[in-house]
Amino acid sequence: MAIRIVRLGSARLANEGLRIGTVRRPPRGVLKAEYAARNFYDVWLPTLAPTPALVKMALSAAGAQPWQRFVKQYRREMAGTDQRAVLHTLAGLSLHADFSVGCYCADESRCHRSVLRQLLIEHGAQVI
């Protein structure tokens, strides 16, 4: 059992399980009833998404230093009580079920999901 880190909207993998969207906003121009069928997500969990201000920072971050500032601030956001509880819950669930978490970004290395991957591992999750 494990968590997969995925790009929302991409084709689902075999045994991927429930797909959780860790994004601040639902996909634009897509009916809510079509989110799962169009491979976005089955369940929306914005608690693990960066705040709008931090998303704006990430989108404008060019170079290593601005990206490191984003990572530091996102980690600070995820240190909140609610976020820690969700990370701990997902880590525990990963030991018993297959599911995935994701975001829309094309490049995981410049997306909050790369940091989320590390946070989940730090909380004891099984991550593929």
Protein backbone atom coordinates (compact mmCIF):
# COMPACT_ATOMS: atom_id res chain seq x y z
CA MET A 1 0.00 0.00 0.00
CA ALA A 2 1.26 3.49 -0.74
CA ILE A 3 0.64 7.05 -1.87
CA ARG A 4 1.43 8.06 -5.44
CA ILE A 5 2.24 11.66 -6.23
CA VAL A 6 0.53 12.55 -9.53
CA ARG A 7 -0.26 15.34 -11.92
CA LEU A 8 -3.99 16.01 -11.84
CA GLY A 9 -5.60 15.55 -15.22
CA SER A 10 -3.11 12.86 -16.24
CA ALA A 11 -4.13 9.30 -17.06
CA ARG A 12 -4.64 7.18 -13.98
CA LEU A 13 -2.19 4.40 -13.23
CA ALA A 14 -3.15 0.85 -12.36
CA ASN A 15 -3.93 0.49 -8.66
CA GLU A 16 -3.68 4.24 -8.13
CA GLY A 17 -6.73 4.23 -5.90
CA LEU A 18 -8.58 7.32 -4.77
CA ARG A 19 -7.14 10.52 -6.30
CA ILE A 20 -6.96 13.49 -3.91
CA GLY A 21 -6.56 17.00 -5.25
CA THR A 22 -4.27 19.09 -3.06
CA VAL A 23 -4.98 22.30 -4.95
CA ARG A 24 -6.41 25.64 -3.90
CA ARG A 25 -8.90 25.87 -6.78
CA PRO A 26 -10.98 23.34 -8.74
CA PRO A 27 -10.17 22.95 -12.44
CA ARG A 28 -11.54 25.83 -14.51
CA GLY A 29 -14.24 25.15 -17.03
CA VAL A 30 -14.91 21.62 -15.78
CA LEU A 31 -18.22 20.61 -14.23
CA LYS A 32 -17.89 19.26 -10.70
CA ALA A 33 -19.57 16.03 -11.81
CA GLU A 34 -16.75 15.51 -14.35
CA TYR A 35 -13.71 15.98 -12.07
CA ALA A 36 -13.16 12.25 -11.49
CA ALA A 37 -14.10 11.14 -15.01
CA ARG A 38 -11.60 13.62 -16.48
CA ASN A 39 -8.86 12.38 -14.11
CA PHE A 40 -8.59 15.50 -12.01
CA TYR A 41 -9.54 14.18 -8.57
CA ASP A 42 -12.10 12.15 -6.67
CA VAL A 43 -11.79 14.19 -3.47
CA TRP A 44 -10.68 17.79 -3.03
CA LEU A 45 -8.33 18.54 -0.11
CA PRO A 46 -7.30 22.21 -0.30
CA THR A 47 -5.90 22.02 3.25
CA LEU A 48 -2.61 20.80 1.74
CA ALA A 49 -2.50 23.43 -1.01
CA PRO A 50 -0.32 26.52 -0.68
CA THR A 51 -2.16 29.76 0.10
CA PRO A 52 -3.04 31.96 -2.90
CA ALA A 53 -0.19 34.36 -2.08
CA LEU A 54 2.27 31.48 -1.97
CA VAL A 55 0.96 30.08 -5.27
CA LYS A 56 1.54 33.50 -6.84
CA MET A 57 5.09 33.51 -5.44
CA ALA A 58 5.77 30.04 -6.84
CA LEU A 59 4.48 30.93 -10.29
CA SER A 60 6.75 33.96 -10.45
CA ALA A 61 9.76 32.24 -8.87
CA ALA A 62 12.62 31.98 -11.33
CA GLY A 63 15.87 30.57 -10.07
CA ALA A 64 16.93 28.62 -7.02
CA GLN A 65 16.70 31.31 -4.35
CA PRO A 66 13.03 32.25 -4.92
CA TRP A 67 12.11 28.56 -5.10
CA GLN A 68 13.85 27.90 -1.78
CA ARG A 69 11.85 30.77 -0.24
CA PHE A 70 8.67 29.13 -1.54
CA VAL A 71 9.69 25.75 -0.08
CA LYS A 72 10.46 27.31 3.31
CA GLN A 73 7.15 29.18 3.43
CA TYR A 74 5.11 26.20 2.23
CA ARG A 75 6.73 24.03 4.92
CA ARG A 76 5.82 26.70 7.46
CA GLU A 77 2.19 26.61 6.27
CA MET A 78 2.13 22.81 6.52
CA ALA A 79 3.36 23.02 10.12
CA GLY A 80 -0.06 24.30 11.21
CA THR A 81 -2.16 22.07 13.45
CA ASP A 82 -4.76 21.17 10.82
CA GLN A 83 -2.18 20.54 8.11
CA ARG A 84 -0.02 18.36 10.38
CA ALA A 85 -3.09 16.33 11.34
CA VAL A 86 -3.97 15.74 7.68
CA LEU A 87 -0.37 14.78 6.82
CA HIS A 88 -0.29 12.36 9.74
CA THR A 89 -3.65 10.86 8.71
CA LEU A 90 -2.56 10.37 5.09
CA ALA A 91 0.71 8.83 6.24
CA GLY A 92 -1.20 6.34 8.37
CA LEU A 93 -3.64 5.54 5.58
CA SER A 94 -0.74 4.90 3.19
CA LEU A 95 0.16 1.85 5.25
CA HIS A 96 -3.26 0.32 4.57
CA ALA A 97 -4.53 1.65 1.23
CA ASP A 98 -3.43 2.81 -2.20
CA PHE A 99 -4.31 6.38 -3.11
CA SER A 100 -2.78 9.37 -4.81
CA VAL A 101 -2.35 13.08 -4.17
CA GLY A 102 -1.62 15.67 -6.77
CA CYS A 103 -1.58 19.07 -8.36
CA TYR A 104 -1.97 20.49 -11.88
CA CYS A 105 1.65 21.59 -12.41
CA ALA A 106 3.52 19.95 -15.28
CA ASP A 107 6.91 19.99 -13.53
CA GLU A 108 6.83 18.29 -10.14
CA SER A 109 10.27 19.66 -9.25
CA ARG A 110 8.82 23.20 -9.31
CA CYS A 111 5.50 22.32 -7.71
CA HIS A 112 4.32 22.10 -4.10
CA ARG A 113 3.75 18.38 -4.62
CA SER A 114 7.55 17.82 -4.59
CA VAL A 115 7.60 19.33 -1.09
CA LEU A 116 4.42 17.48 -0.16
CA ARG A 117 6.13 14.22 -1.15
CA GLN A 118 8.93 14.93 1.34
CA LEU A 119 6.52 16.01 4.07
CA LEU A 120 4.52 12.79 3.70
CA ILE A 121 7.71 10.73 3.91
CA GLU A 122 8.75 12.70 7.02
CA HIS A 123 5.39 11.80 8.57
CA GLY A 124 6.04 8.11 7.93
CA ALA A 125 4.07 7.61 4.71
CA GLN A 126 4.80 4.92 2.16
CA VAL A 127 5.27 6.94 -1.04
CA ILE A 128 5.85 5.62 -4.55
